[in-house]
Amino acid sequence: MTCSSCAVGIDHCHGTLVEHESGFVECTDMACLSFGIERHSLVIDCETVEGGCGCTDHVRVLSKVDPSAMGADVPQEQLLRA
């Protein structure tokens, strides 16, 4: 069986493009060098990856943190500025 896109010379990838919460993308095809959405017939969100991705775990963890543990009760003049 031959891929019809390969047969006619269309630039494409056989891998799955995975889009992460941060905007980072990666492909399941290790040989893929161009991560354009137009080259991939299958594009998924990272949370649908079996076993989970984990890239959004920090968001879930921060939402459970007590605001006072993050300096919310410290007067503004005592906070360090970057």
Protein backbone atom coordinates (compact mmCIF):
# COMPACT_ATOMS: atom_id res chain seq x y z
CA MET A 1 0.00 0.00 0.00
CA THR A 2 1.38 3.42 -0.98
CA CYS A 3 0.52 6.75 0.63
CA SER A 4 -1.31 8.89 -1.96
CA SER A 5 0.49 12.05 -0.79
CA CYS A 6 3.85 10.30 -1.17
CA ALA A 7 2.85 9.06 -4.63
CA VAL A 8 2.16 12.58 -5.95
CA GLY A 9 5.01 14.27 -4.07
CA ILE A 10 3.00 16.36 -1.58
CA ASP A 11 5.09 17.60 1.35
CA HIS A 12 3.57 15.92 4.40
CA CYS A 13 4.33 13.95 7.55
CA HIS A 14 3.00 10.57 8.63
CA GLY A 15 3.35 11.43 12.34
CA THR A 16 0.92 13.04 14.76
CA LEU A 17 1.46 16.67 15.69
CA VAL A 18 1.03 17.22 19.44
CA GLU A 19 0.15 20.76 20.57
CA HIS A 20 1.05 21.72 24.14
CA GLU A 21 -0.60 24.30 26.41
CA SER A 22 2.44 26.59 26.07
CA GLY A 23 2.22 26.61 22.28
CA PHE A 24 5.12 24.16 21.91
CA VAL A 25 4.51 21.50 19.27
CA GLU A 26 6.17 18.17 18.65
CA CYS A 27 5.68 15.31 16.25
CA THR A 28 5.57 11.59 16.92
CA ASP A 29 7.65 10.99 13.77
CA MET A 30 11.28 11.31 14.89
CA ALA A 31 12.33 12.18 11.32
CA CYS A 32 9.93 15.16 11.11
CA LEU A 33 11.80 18.45 10.81
CA SER A 34 8.94 20.81 9.96
CA PHE A 35 6.14 21.11 12.50
CA GLY A 36 3.64 23.03 10.37
CA ILE A 37 0.04 22.05 11.01
CA GLU A 38 -0.58 21.86 7.25
CA ARG A 39 1.92 18.97 6.93
CA HIS A 40 0.09 16.78 9.45
CA SER A 41 -3.21 15.02 8.88
CA LEU A 42 -3.54 14.29 12.60
CA VAL A 43 -3.15 17.06 15.19
CA ILE A 44 -4.01 16.47 18.85
CA ASP A 45 -3.94 18.39 22.12
CA CYS A 46 -1.29 17.12 24.56
CA GLU A 47 -3.90 16.25 27.19
CA THR A 48 -5.26 13.54 24.89
CA VAL A 49 -1.92 11.68 24.88
CA GLU A 50 -2.39 8.32 26.58
CA GLY A 51 -0.99 8.54 30.09
CA GLY A 52 -1.18 12.33 30.00
CA CYS A 53 1.42 14.85 29.10
CA GLY A 54 2.09 16.62 32.38
CA CYS A 55 3.00 19.97 30.83
CA THR A 56 0.01 21.61 32.51
CA ASP A 57 0.60 20.01 35.93
CA HIS A 58 2.17 23.23 37.21
CA VAL A 59 -1.10 25.07 36.50
CA ARG A 60 -3.09 22.48 38.44
CA VAL A 61 -0.63 22.59 41.34
CA LEU A 62 -0.64 26.39 41.56
CA SER A 63 -4.42 26.49 41.59
CA LYS A 64 -4.34 24.40 44.79
CA VAL A 65 -1.75 26.54 46.60
CA ASP A 66 -2.82 28.78 49.49
CA PRO A 67 -2.27 32.41 48.31
CA SER A 68 -0.60 33.30 51.61
CA ALA A 69 2.07 30.69 50.85
CA MET A 70 2.97 32.70 47.76
CA GLY A 71 3.50 36.00 49.60
CA ALA A 72 -0.05 37.37 49.34
CA ASP A 73 0.11 38.52 52.96
CA VAL A 74 3.49 40.27 52.52
CA PRO A 75 3.26 44.07 52.15
CA GLN A 76 4.00 45.20 48.58
CA GLU A 77 7.06 47.24 49.66
CA GLN A 78 8.69 44.05 51.00
CA LEU A 79 8.29 42.04 47.79
CA LEU A 80 11.38 41.70 45.64
CA ARG A 81 11.08 43.04 42.13
CA ALA A 82 12.81 41.40 39.19
